[in-house]
N, C-alpha and C. Protein backbone atom coordinates (compact mmCIF):
# COMPACT_ATOMS: atom_id res chain seq x y z
N MET A 1 90.70 124.08 115.00
CA MET A 1 89.70 123.07 115.35
C MET A 1 90.37 121.79 115.81
N ILE A 2 91.44 121.36 115.12
CA ILE A 2 92.14 120.15 115.50
C ILE A 2 92.75 120.32 116.89
N LEU A 3 93.25 121.53 117.18
CA LEU A 3 93.86 121.79 118.47
C LEU A 3 92.84 121.71 119.59
N LYS A 4 91.57 121.83 119.29
CA LYS A 4 90.51 121.74 120.29
C LYS A 4 89.90 120.34 120.29
N SER A 5 90.76 119.34 120.13
CA SER A 5 90.36 117.93 120.15
C SER A 5 89.47 117.55 118.97
N GLY A 6 89.52 118.32 117.92
CA GLY A 6 88.80 117.96 116.71
C GLY A 6 89.63 116.99 115.89
N THR A 7 89.15 116.63 114.74
CA THR A 7 89.85 115.69 113.87
C THR A 7 89.99 116.30 112.48
N THR A 8 90.77 115.64 111.65
CA THR A 8 90.89 116.12 110.27
C THR A 8 89.56 115.97 109.53
N THR A 9 88.73 115.04 109.96
CA THR A 9 87.39 114.91 109.38
C THR A 9 86.56 116.14 109.70
N ASP A 10 86.66 116.64 110.94
CA ASP A 10 85.97 117.88 111.31
C ASP A 10 86.50 119.04 110.49
N LEU A 11 87.81 119.06 110.28
CA LEU A 11 88.43 120.12 109.48
C LEU A 11 87.86 120.12 108.07
N TRP A 12 87.71 118.93 107.48
CA TRP A 12 87.18 118.81 106.13
C TRP A 12 85.77 119.38 106.03
N LYS A 13 84.94 119.13 107.04
CA LYS A 13 83.58 119.63 107.01
C LYS A 13 83.54 121.15 106.94
N VAL A 14 84.53 121.80 107.54
CA VAL A 14 84.59 123.27 107.55
C VAL A 14 85.12 123.82 106.23
N VAL A 15 86.14 123.15 105.68
CA VAL A 15 86.84 123.74 104.52
C VAL A 15 86.37 123.19 103.18
N GLU A 16 85.55 122.17 103.16
CA GLU A 16 85.21 121.49 101.91
C GLU A 16 84.72 122.45 100.83
N LEU A 17 83.68 123.21 101.11
CA LEU A 17 83.11 124.09 100.08
C LEU A 17 84.08 125.18 99.64
N PRO A 18 84.64 125.99 100.55
CA PRO A 18 85.56 127.02 100.08
C PRO A 18 86.79 126.45 99.38
N LEU A 19 87.24 125.28 99.81
CA LEU A 19 88.39 124.66 99.16
C LEU A 19 88.06 124.26 97.73
N LYS A 20 86.90 123.66 97.54
CA LYS A 20 86.51 123.23 96.20
C LYS A 20 86.32 124.43 95.27
N VAL A 21 85.72 125.48 95.79
CA VAL A 21 85.50 126.68 94.96
C VAL A 21 86.82 127.33 94.59
N SER A 22 87.68 127.55 95.57
CA SER A 22 88.94 128.26 95.32
C SER A 22 89.88 127.48 94.43
N GLN A 23 89.99 126.17 94.67
CA GLN A 23 90.92 125.38 93.86
C GLN A 23 90.40 125.19 92.44
N THR A 24 89.10 125.06 92.27
CA THR A 24 88.55 124.93 90.92
C THR A 24 88.70 126.24 90.16
N ALA A 25 88.52 127.35 90.85
CA ALA A 25 88.67 128.66 90.20
C ALA A 25 90.10 128.91 89.75
N ALA A 26 91.06 128.14 90.29
CA ALA A 26 92.46 128.30 89.91
C ALA A 26 92.69 127.94 88.45
N ILE A 27 91.72 127.29 87.82
CA ILE A 27 91.82 127.03 86.37
C ILE A 27 92.03 128.34 85.62
N LEU A 28 91.46 129.42 86.15
CA LEU A 28 91.62 130.72 85.51
C LEU A 28 93.08 131.16 85.48
N GLU A 29 93.89 130.68 86.41
CA GLU A 29 95.30 131.03 86.39
C GLU A 29 95.98 130.50 85.13
N VAL A 30 95.58 129.30 84.72
CA VAL A 30 96.12 128.72 83.50
C VAL A 30 95.67 129.53 82.29
N VAL A 31 94.40 129.92 82.31
CA VAL A 31 93.86 130.73 81.21
C VAL A 31 94.59 132.06 81.13
N HIS A 32 94.78 132.71 82.27
CA HIS A 32 95.47 134.01 82.30
C HIS A 32 96.90 133.88 81.78
N SER A 33 97.56 132.78 82.13
CA SER A 33 98.91 132.56 81.64
C SER A 33 98.92 132.31 80.14
N ALA A 34 97.93 131.56 79.66
CA ALA A 34 97.87 131.22 78.23
C ALA A 34 97.61 132.45 77.36
N VAL A 35 96.79 133.37 77.85
CA VAL A 35 96.45 134.56 77.04
C VAL A 35 97.38 135.73 77.30
N GLY A 36 98.35 135.56 78.20
CA GLY A 36 99.34 136.60 78.42
C GLY A 36 99.01 137.64 79.46
N LEU A 37 97.97 137.42 80.27
CA LEU A 37 97.65 138.39 81.32
C LEU A 37 98.71 138.38 82.42
N VAL A 38 99.35 137.23 82.62
CA VAL A 38 100.46 137.11 83.56
C VAL A 38 101.60 136.42 82.83
N ARG A 39 102.81 136.56 83.37
CA ARG A 39 103.98 136.01 82.70
C ARG A 39 104.35 134.60 83.16
N SER A 40 103.55 134.01 83.98
CA SER A 40 103.85 132.66 84.45
C SER A 40 103.84 131.68 83.28
N PRO A 41 104.80 130.75 83.22
CA PRO A 41 104.81 129.75 82.15
C PRO A 41 103.56 128.89 82.19
N VAL A 42 102.94 128.70 81.04
CA VAL A 42 101.69 127.95 80.97
C VAL A 42 101.88 126.52 81.47
N MET A 43 102.98 125.88 81.07
CA MET A 43 103.19 124.48 81.45
C MET A 43 103.36 124.33 82.96
N ILE A 44 104.16 125.19 83.56
CA ILE A 44 104.39 125.10 85.00
C ILE A 44 103.10 125.37 85.77
N THR A 45 102.40 126.43 85.36
CA THR A 45 101.13 126.77 86.01
C THR A 45 100.12 125.64 85.85
N GLY A 46 100.06 125.08 84.65
CA GLY A 46 99.14 123.99 84.39
C GLY A 46 99.42 122.77 85.24
N MET A 47 100.70 122.45 85.43
CA MET A 47 101.08 121.30 86.25
C MET A 47 100.64 121.50 87.69
N GLN A 48 100.85 122.70 88.22
CA GLN A 48 100.48 122.97 89.60
C GLN A 48 98.97 122.87 89.81
N VAL A 49 98.22 123.51 88.92
CA VAL A 49 96.76 123.52 89.05
C VAL A 49 96.20 122.12 88.83
N ALA A 50 96.70 121.41 87.82
CA ALA A 50 96.18 120.08 87.50
C ALA A 50 96.41 119.11 88.65
N SER A 51 97.57 119.18 89.30
CA SER A 51 97.84 118.25 90.39
C SER A 51 96.89 118.47 91.56
N ARG A 52 96.61 119.74 91.85
CA ARG A 52 95.70 120.03 92.95
C ARG A 52 94.27 119.61 92.62
N LEU A 53 93.85 119.85 91.39
CA LEU A 53 92.50 119.46 90.99
C LEU A 53 92.33 117.95 91.03
N TRP A 54 93.36 117.24 90.59
CA TRP A 54 93.29 115.77 90.63
C TRP A 54 93.20 115.27 92.06
N VAL A 55 94.03 115.82 92.95
CA VAL A 55 94.00 115.38 94.34
C VAL A 55 92.65 115.70 94.98
N LEU A 56 92.13 116.89 94.69
CA LEU A 56 90.87 117.31 95.32
C LEU A 56 89.67 116.54 94.78
N TRP A 57 89.51 116.56 93.44
CA TRP A 57 88.32 115.99 92.83
C TRP A 57 88.46 114.51 92.49
N GLY A 58 89.69 114.07 92.21
CA GLY A 58 89.88 112.69 91.78
C GLY A 58 90.31 111.74 92.88
N ILE A 59 90.77 112.28 94.01
CA ILE A 59 91.25 111.44 95.10
C ILE A 59 90.46 111.68 96.39
N ILE A 60 90.48 112.91 96.89
CA ILE A 60 89.84 113.19 98.17
C ILE A 60 88.32 113.09 98.07
N ASN A 61 87.74 113.73 97.08
CA ASN A 61 86.28 113.80 97.01
C ASN A 61 85.60 112.43 96.90
N PRO A 62 86.07 111.54 96.03
CA PRO A 62 85.38 110.24 95.95
C PRO A 62 85.68 109.29 97.11
N GLU A 63 86.72 109.58 97.87
CA GLU A 63 87.09 108.71 99.00
C GLU A 63 87.27 109.54 100.27
N GLN A 64 86.26 110.32 100.61
CA GLN A 64 86.37 111.26 101.72
C GLN A 64 86.63 110.59 103.06
N ALA A 65 85.99 109.47 103.31
CA ALA A 65 86.15 108.81 104.60
C ALA A 65 87.60 108.39 104.83
N LEU A 66 88.25 107.92 103.77
CA LEU A 66 89.63 107.45 103.90
C LEU A 66 90.63 108.59 103.92
N THR A 67 90.42 109.58 103.06
CA THR A 67 91.43 110.63 102.91
C THR A 67 91.32 111.74 103.96
N THR A 68 90.11 112.07 104.36
CA THR A 68 89.97 113.17 105.33
C THR A 68 90.16 112.70 106.77
N GLY A 69 90.05 111.42 107.00
CA GLY A 69 90.22 110.92 108.35
C GLY A 69 91.48 110.11 108.55
N GLY A 70 92.16 109.76 107.45
CA GLY A 70 93.34 108.92 107.54
C GLY A 70 94.63 109.73 107.57
N ALA A 71 95.73 109.02 107.71
CA ALA A 71 97.04 109.65 107.74
C ALA A 71 98.10 108.62 107.37
N VAL A 72 99.21 109.11 106.86
CA VAL A 72 100.36 108.27 106.55
C VAL A 72 101.46 108.61 107.55
N SER A 73 101.85 107.63 108.35
CA SER A 73 102.85 107.86 109.39
C SER A 73 104.24 107.95 108.80
N LEU A 74 105.04 108.86 109.34
CA LEU A 74 106.43 109.00 108.91
C LEU A 74 107.36 108.18 109.80
N GLY A 75 106.80 107.47 110.78
CA GLY A 75 107.59 106.60 111.61
C GLY A 75 108.51 107.30 112.59
N ALA A 76 108.18 108.53 112.93
CA ALA A 76 109.00 109.28 113.89
C ALA A 76 108.10 110.12 114.77
N LYS A 77 108.65 110.59 115.88
CA LYS A 77 107.90 111.43 116.80
C LYS A 77 108.71 112.66 117.16
N VAL A 78 108.01 113.75 117.43
CA VAL A 78 108.63 114.99 117.92
C VAL A 78 107.89 115.37 119.19
N GLY A 79 108.59 115.35 120.31
CA GLY A 79 107.95 115.65 121.59
C GLY A 79 106.84 114.69 121.93
N GLY A 80 106.98 113.44 121.50
CA GLY A 80 105.97 112.44 121.78
C GLY A 80 104.82 112.43 120.80
N VAL A 81 104.80 113.40 119.87
CA VAL A 81 103.72 113.49 118.88
C VAL A 81 104.18 112.81 117.59
N PRO A 82 103.44 111.82 117.11
CA PRO A 82 103.85 111.14 115.87
C PRO A 82 103.75 112.06 114.66
N LEU A 83 104.75 111.99 113.80
CA LEU A 83 104.74 112.79 112.58
C LEU A 83 103.93 112.06 111.52
N GLN A 84 102.97 112.79 110.94
CA GLN A 84 102.08 112.21 109.95
C GLN A 84 101.87 113.18 108.79
N LEU A 85 101.52 112.61 107.67
CA LEU A 85 101.05 113.39 106.53
C LEU A 85 99.57 113.12 106.39
N ASN A 86 98.77 114.18 106.41
CA ASN A 86 97.33 114.01 106.36
C ASN A 86 96.68 115.24 105.74
N LEU A 87 95.38 115.34 105.87
CA LEU A 87 94.66 116.48 105.30
C LEU A 87 95.17 117.80 105.86
N ALA A 88 95.51 117.82 107.14
CA ALA A 88 95.97 119.06 107.77
C ALA A 88 97.29 119.54 107.17
N THR A 89 98.23 118.62 106.93
CA THR A 89 99.51 119.03 106.34
C THR A 89 99.31 119.48 104.89
N LEU A 90 98.38 118.82 104.20
CA LEU A 90 98.08 119.22 102.83
C LEU A 90 97.55 120.65 102.79
N LEU A 91 96.54 120.92 103.62
CA LEU A 91 95.92 122.24 103.63
C LEU A 91 96.89 123.31 104.13
N ALA A 92 97.74 122.97 105.08
CA ALA A 92 98.71 123.93 105.57
C ALA A 92 99.66 124.34 104.47
N ALA A 93 100.18 123.36 103.73
CA ALA A 93 101.11 123.67 102.65
C ALA A 93 100.43 124.49 101.56
N TRP A 94 99.23 124.08 101.15
CA TRP A 94 98.51 124.82 100.11
C TRP A 94 98.16 126.24 100.58
N SER A 95 97.63 126.35 101.80
CA SER A 95 97.11 127.63 102.28
C SER A 95 98.21 128.66 102.51
N ILE A 96 99.29 128.27 103.19
CA ILE A 96 100.37 129.22 103.44
C ILE A 96 100.96 129.71 102.14
N THR A 97 101.14 128.80 101.20
CA THR A 97 101.67 129.17 99.88
C THR A 97 100.78 130.22 99.21
N GLU A 98 99.46 129.99 99.23
CA GLU A 98 98.55 130.90 98.53
C GLU A 98 98.39 132.22 99.25
N VAL A 99 98.39 132.21 100.58
CA VAL A 99 98.29 133.47 101.32
C VAL A 99 99.47 134.37 101.00
N VAL A 100 100.67 133.80 100.99
CA VAL A 100 101.86 134.59 100.68
C VAL A 100 101.82 135.05 99.23
N ARG A 101 101.48 134.15 98.32
CA ARG A 101 101.50 134.48 96.89
C ARG A 101 100.50 135.57 96.53
N TYR A 102 99.27 135.43 97.01
CA TYR A 102 98.25 136.42 96.66
C TYR A 102 98.45 137.74 97.39
N SER A 103 99.04 137.70 98.58
CA SER A 103 99.40 138.95 99.26
C SER A 103 100.45 139.68 98.45
N PHE A 104 101.39 138.94 97.93
CA PHE A 104 102.44 139.51 97.09
C PHE A 104 101.85 140.19 95.86
N PHE A 105 100.98 139.46 95.15
CA PHE A 105 100.38 140.02 93.94
C PHE A 105 99.49 141.22 94.24
N ALA A 106 98.73 141.15 95.33
CA ALA A 106 97.82 142.25 95.67
C ALA A 106 98.59 143.52 95.98
N ILE A 107 99.63 143.41 96.81
CA ILE A 107 100.41 144.59 97.17
C ILE A 107 101.15 145.14 95.96
N LYS A 108 101.64 144.25 95.11
CA LYS A 108 102.34 144.71 93.90
C LYS A 108 101.40 145.49 92.99
N GLU A 109 100.16 145.01 92.85
CA GLU A 109 99.20 145.71 91.98
C GLU A 109 98.77 147.04 92.58
N ILE A 110 98.64 147.09 93.90
CA ILE A 110 98.17 148.31 94.55
C ILE A 110 99.24 149.39 94.60
N SER A 111 100.45 148.99 94.98
CA SER A 111 101.51 149.99 95.20
C SER A 111 102.57 150.03 94.12
N GLY A 112 102.60 149.01 93.27
CA GLY A 112 103.61 148.98 92.23
C GLY A 112 104.91 148.33 92.66
N SER A 113 105.07 148.03 93.95
CA SER A 113 106.26 147.38 94.46
C SER A 113 105.88 146.63 95.74
N VAL A 114 106.79 145.78 96.19
CA VAL A 114 106.53 145.03 97.41
C VAL A 114 107.70 145.17 98.37
N PRO A 115 107.44 145.16 99.69
CA PRO A 115 108.54 145.22 100.65
C PRO A 115 109.39 143.96 100.55
N TYR A 116 110.67 144.11 100.81
CA TYR A 116 111.59 142.97 100.64
C TYR A 116 111.21 141.76 101.49
N PRO A 117 110.76 141.92 102.74
CA PRO A 117 110.38 140.73 103.51
C PRO A 117 109.31 139.88 102.82
N LEU A 118 108.33 140.55 102.19
CA LEU A 118 107.29 139.80 101.49
C LEU A 118 107.86 139.17 100.22
N LEU A 119 108.75 139.90 99.56
CA LEU A 119 109.42 139.35 98.39
C LEU A 119 110.19 138.09 98.75
N TRP A 120 110.89 138.14 99.88
CA TRP A 120 111.67 136.99 100.33
C TRP A 120 110.75 135.82 100.65
N LEU A 121 109.63 136.09 101.32
CA LEU A 121 108.68 135.02 101.63
C LEU A 121 108.11 134.41 100.35
N ARG A 122 107.78 135.25 99.38
CA ARG A 122 107.21 134.78 98.12
C ARG A 122 108.13 133.78 97.44
N TYR A 123 109.43 134.02 97.52
CA TYR A 123 110.37 133.16 96.82
C TYR A 123 111.16 132.23 97.74
N SER A 124 110.69 132.05 98.97
CA SER A 124 111.40 131.18 99.90
C SER A 124 110.51 130.15 100.58
N THR A 125 109.24 130.47 100.80
CA THR A 125 108.38 129.55 101.55
C THR A 125 108.18 128.22 100.82
N PHE A 126 108.34 128.23 99.51
CA PHE A 126 108.16 126.98 98.77
C PHE A 126 109.22 125.94 99.11
N ILE A 127 110.37 126.39 99.62
CA ILE A 127 111.48 125.47 99.87
C ILE A 127 111.05 124.35 100.82
N PRO A 128 110.41 124.65 101.97
CA PRO A 128 109.88 123.55 102.77
C PRO A 128 108.46 123.15 102.38
N LEU A 129 107.65 124.12 101.94
CA LEU A 129 106.23 123.83 101.75
C LEU A 129 105.96 122.99 100.50
N TYR A 130 106.74 123.16 99.45
CA TYR A 130 106.50 122.38 98.24
C TYR A 130 106.70 120.88 98.48
N PRO A 131 107.82 120.46 99.09
CA PRO A 131 107.96 119.03 99.40
C PRO A 131 106.88 118.51 100.34
N ILE A 132 106.51 119.32 101.34
CA ILE A 132 105.45 118.90 102.26
C ILE A 132 104.14 118.75 101.50
N GLY A 133 103.84 119.71 100.63
CA GLY A 133 102.61 119.66 99.87
C GLY A 133 102.55 118.45 98.95
N VAL A 134 103.64 118.21 98.22
CA VAL A 134 103.69 117.07 97.31
C VAL A 134 103.59 115.76 98.08
N ALA A 135 104.32 115.65 99.18
CA ALA A 135 104.26 114.44 99.99
C ALA A 135 102.85 114.22 100.53
N SER A 136 102.17 115.29 100.90
CA SER A 136 100.80 115.18 101.41
C SER A 136 99.84 114.78 100.30
N GLU A 137 100.04 115.31 99.10
CA GLU A 137 99.21 114.92 97.96
C GLU A 137 99.36 113.43 97.67
N LEU A 138 100.60 112.95 97.68
CA LEU A 138 100.83 111.54 97.43
C LEU A 138 100.29 110.68 98.57
N SER A 139 100.28 111.22 99.77
CA SER A 139 99.71 110.50 100.90
C SER A 139 98.21 110.33 100.74
N MET A 140 97.55 111.37 100.20
CA MET A 140 96.12 111.26 99.92
C MET A 140 95.87 110.13 98.92
N ALA A 141 96.73 110.06 97.90
CA ALA A 141 96.60 108.99 96.90
C ALA A 141 96.84 107.63 97.54
N ARG A 142 97.82 107.57 98.42
CA ARG A 142 98.13 106.29 99.11
C ARG A 142 96.92 105.82 99.92
N LEU A 143 96.23 106.73 100.55
CA LEU A 143 95.08 106.36 101.37
C LEU A 143 93.88 105.94 100.52
N ALA A 144 93.72 106.59 99.37
CA ALA A 144 92.52 106.37 98.56
C ALA A 144 92.64 105.25 97.54
N LEU A 145 93.84 105.01 97.04
CA LEU A 145 94.00 104.09 95.90
C LEU A 145 93.50 102.66 96.16
N PRO A 146 93.72 102.08 97.35
CA PRO A 146 93.19 100.72 97.54
C PRO A 146 91.68 100.64 97.31
N SER A 147 90.94 101.61 97.79
CA SER A 147 89.49 101.60 97.60
C SER A 147 89.12 101.92 96.15
N ILE A 148 89.83 102.89 95.56
CA ILE A 148 89.58 103.23 94.16
C ILE A 148 89.79 102.00 93.28
N TRP A 149 90.85 101.26 93.59
CA TRP A 149 91.17 100.06 92.81
C TRP A 149 90.12 98.97 93.04
N ALA A 150 89.74 98.80 94.28
CA ALA A 150 88.76 97.74 94.60
C ALA A 150 87.40 98.03 93.98
N ARG A 151 87.02 99.30 93.96
CA ARG A 151 85.70 99.67 93.42
C ARG A 151 85.73 99.86 91.91
N HIS A 152 86.95 99.86 91.35
CA HIS A 152 87.10 100.10 89.91
C HIS A 152 86.41 101.42 89.53
N LEU A 153 86.69 102.43 90.34
CA LEU A 153 86.01 103.72 90.24
C LEU A 153 86.14 104.35 88.86
N TRP A 154 85.03 104.89 88.37
CA TRP A 154 84.97 105.68 87.14
C TRP A 154 85.61 104.96 85.94
N SER A 155 85.49 103.68 85.91
CA SER A 155 86.10 102.90 84.83
C SER A 155 85.05 102.37 83.88
N ILE A 156 85.46 102.15 82.66
CA ILE A 156 84.57 101.62 81.63
C ILE A 156 85.18 100.34 81.09
N ASP A 157 84.44 99.26 81.19
CA ASP A 157 84.93 97.97 80.73
C ASP A 157 84.36 97.62 79.36
N MET A 158 85.12 96.85 78.65
CA MET A 158 84.64 96.31 77.38
C MET A 158 84.09 94.90 77.62
N PRO A 159 83.17 94.44 76.77
CA PRO A 159 82.69 95.12 75.57
C PRO A 159 81.59 96.14 75.87
N ASN A 160 81.50 97.14 75.02
CA ASN A 160 80.41 98.11 75.10
C ASN A 160 80.15 98.65 73.70
N ALA A 161 79.10 99.44 73.57
CA ALA A 161 78.67 99.93 72.25
C ALA A 161 79.73 100.78 71.56
N PHE A 162 80.59 101.42 72.35
CA PHE A 162 81.59 102.32 71.76
C PHE A 162 82.95 101.64 71.59
N ASN A 163 83.05 100.39 72.01
CA ASN A 163 84.31 99.65 71.88
C ASN A 163 85.46 100.43 72.52
N PHE A 164 85.19 100.91 73.73
CA PHE A 164 86.13 101.80 74.42
C PHE A 164 86.28 101.36 75.87
N ALA A 165 87.51 101.39 76.35
CA ALA A 165 87.77 101.01 77.74
C ALA A 165 88.54 102.13 78.44
N PHE A 166 88.26 102.30 79.73
CA PHE A 166 88.95 103.32 80.52
C PHE A 166 89.12 102.79 81.93
N ASP A 167 90.34 102.84 82.45
CA ASP A 167 90.63 102.31 83.77
C ASP A 167 91.18 103.44 84.64
N TYR A 168 90.31 104.03 85.47
CA TYR A 168 90.73 105.17 86.29
C TYR A 168 91.80 104.80 87.31
N PRO A 169 91.73 103.65 87.98
CA PRO A 169 92.81 103.31 88.91
C PRO A 169 94.19 103.31 88.25
N ILE A 170 94.28 102.81 87.03
CA ILE A 170 95.56 102.82 86.32
C ILE A 170 95.98 104.25 86.02
N VAL A 171 95.02 105.10 85.66
CA VAL A 171 95.32 106.51 85.43
C VAL A 171 95.91 107.13 86.70
N CYS A 172 95.32 106.79 87.84
CA CYS A 172 95.83 107.32 89.10
C CYS A 172 97.28 106.90 89.34
N VAL A 173 97.58 105.64 89.06
CA VAL A 173 98.95 105.15 89.23
C VAL A 173 99.90 105.90 88.30
N LEU A 174 99.47 106.14 87.07
CA LEU A 174 100.31 106.87 86.11
C LEU A 174 100.53 108.31 86.56
N VAL A 175 99.50 108.92 87.14
CA VAL A 175 99.64 110.28 87.64
C VAL A 175 100.66 110.32 88.78
N VAL A 176 100.57 109.34 89.68
CA VAL A 176 101.53 109.27 90.78
C VAL A 176 102.95 109.12 90.25
N ILE A 177 103.12 108.26 89.26
CA ILE A 177 104.45 108.07 88.65
C ILE A 177 104.95 109.36 88.01
N SER A 178 104.02 110.14 87.43
CA SER A 178 104.41 111.38 86.76
C SER A 178 104.96 112.42 87.73
N TYR A 179 104.66 112.24 89.01
CA TYR A 179 105.22 113.16 90.00
C TYR A 179 106.75 113.06 90.05
N LEU A 180 107.30 111.90 89.72
CA LEU A 180 108.73 111.69 89.84
C LEU A 180 109.53 112.65 88.95
N PRO A 181 109.22 112.77 87.64
CA PRO A 181 109.93 113.76 86.83
C PRO A 181 109.40 115.18 87.06
N GLY A 182 108.12 115.29 87.41
CA GLY A 182 107.52 116.62 87.56
C GLY A 182 108.02 117.37 88.77
N LEU A 183 108.23 116.66 89.88
CA LEU A 183 108.68 117.31 91.11
C LEU A 183 110.01 118.04 90.96
N PRO A 184 111.09 117.38 90.51
CA PRO A 184 112.35 118.12 90.39
C PRO A 184 112.30 119.22 89.35
N GLN A 185 111.56 119.00 88.25
CA GLN A 185 111.47 120.03 87.22
C GLN A 185 110.89 121.32 87.77
N LEU A 186 109.79 121.20 88.50
CA LEU A 186 109.13 122.38 89.04
C LEU A 186 109.94 122.99 90.17
N TYR A 187 110.51 122.14 91.01
CA TYR A 187 111.26 122.62 92.17
C TYR A 187 112.51 123.40 91.73
N PHE A 188 113.23 122.86 90.77
CA PHE A 188 114.44 123.54 90.31
C PHE A 188 114.10 124.82 89.53
N TYR A 189 112.95 124.82 88.86
CA TYR A 189 112.50 126.05 88.20
C TYR A 189 112.27 127.13 89.24
N MET A 190 111.61 126.78 90.34
CA MET A 190 111.33 127.77 91.38
C MET A 190 112.61 128.22 92.07
N LEU A 191 113.57 127.31 92.25
CA LEU A 191 114.85 127.70 92.83
C LEU A 191 115.59 128.68 91.93
N ALA A 192 115.51 128.45 90.62
CA ALA A 192 116.15 129.36 89.68
C ALA A 192 115.49 130.73 89.72
N GLN A 193 114.16 130.76 89.81
CA GLN A 193 113.44 132.02 89.91
C GLN A 193 113.82 132.76 91.20
N ARG A 194 113.95 132.00 92.28
CA ARG A 194 114.33 132.60 93.57
C ARG A 194 115.70 133.25 93.47
N LYS A 195 116.65 132.54 92.91
CA LYS A 195 118.01 133.07 92.78
C LYS A 195 118.02 134.34 91.93
N LYS A 196 117.24 134.31 90.85
CA LYS A 196 117.19 135.45 89.94
C LYS A 196 116.61 136.68 90.62
N VAL A 197 115.52 136.50 91.35
CA VAL A 197 114.83 137.64 91.95
C VAL A 197 115.57 138.16 93.19
N LEU A 198 115.97 137.26 94.07
CA LEU A 198 116.60 137.70 95.32
C LEU A 198 118.03 138.17 95.12
N ALA A 199 118.64 137.82 93.97
CA ALA A 199 120.00 138.29 93.69
C ALA A 199 120.05 139.80 93.57
N ALA A 200 118.89 140.42 93.31
CA ALA A 200 118.82 141.87 93.20
C ALA A 200 118.97 142.55 94.54
N GLY A 201 118.86 141.76 95.64
CA GLY A 201 119.07 142.31 96.97
C GLY A 201 118.10 143.42 97.29
N GLY A 202 118.62 144.58 97.58
CA GLY A 202 117.79 145.73 97.95
C GLY A 202 116.90 146.19 96.84
N ALA A 203 117.24 145.81 95.60
CA ALA A 203 116.40 146.20 94.47
C ALA A 203 115.34 145.15 94.19
N GLY A 204 115.09 144.29 95.19
CA GLY A 204 114.15 143.18 95.01
C GLY A 204 112.78 143.63 94.61
N SER A 205 112.33 144.78 95.13
CA SER A 205 110.99 145.24 94.79
C SER A 205 110.87 145.56 93.33
N THR A 206 111.94 146.09 92.73
CA THR A 206 111.94 146.40 91.32
C THR A 206 111.89 145.12 90.51
N SER A 207 112.67 144.13 90.94
CA SER A 207 112.68 142.86 90.24
C SER A 207 111.34 142.18 90.31
N ALA A 208 110.68 142.33 91.45
CA ALA A 208 109.39 141.67 91.62
C ALA A 208 108.37 142.17 90.62
N LYS A 209 108.51 143.39 90.20
CA LYS A 209 107.56 143.95 89.23
C LYS A 209 107.73 143.31 87.86
N LYS A 210 108.90 142.67 87.64
CA LYS A 210 109.17 142.11 86.33
C LYS A 210 109.06 140.61 86.30
N SER A 211 108.81 140.02 87.47
CA SER A 211 108.82 138.57 87.55
C SER A 211 107.58 138.07 88.24
N ASN A 212 107.22 136.84 87.94
CA ASN A 212 106.11 136.21 88.62
C ASN A 212 106.60 135.30 89.72
């Protein structure tokens, strides 16, 4: 749609509902990990799902005009086209990752093994896509936070009957700061998993059956 002179706002109108449904349903991945249906670490899975839910429901949804139509410039051009982080880069990173991951799981469940090219994609696409995805998530926050702060969104001021205060803009800032330790932790975990699985070489399909 964007290639046909559309905008990221037009893109949002098309993907909004399926995106909200699919990303919210990802909560089940945390549940499956917690109860042992899959071997994925609960903490790692929870971090991934929580960050996406926060970006979707806590950043993009309340500030749709700013986040779906805006962009953060990287200050460079390729072939005369300015490089930007926006809704399109966010969705590209999320979507490619999930298409590869769920294709991997589906084929593994159906056939009991996966072809090595798909195994390689499963454990390699994150190398460029994870930084792009995280940078795009933070770009969404950069676009939305000034308005969230100005509107004092979803905040509770004192005094009140419950003697309780809550400042959502500050929570957003703390979440952004939490990306700093969270990013390398998750990235190096995935690199270690990649090394472990792909080290099997031709036996990669067998390894894939034992690893997430």
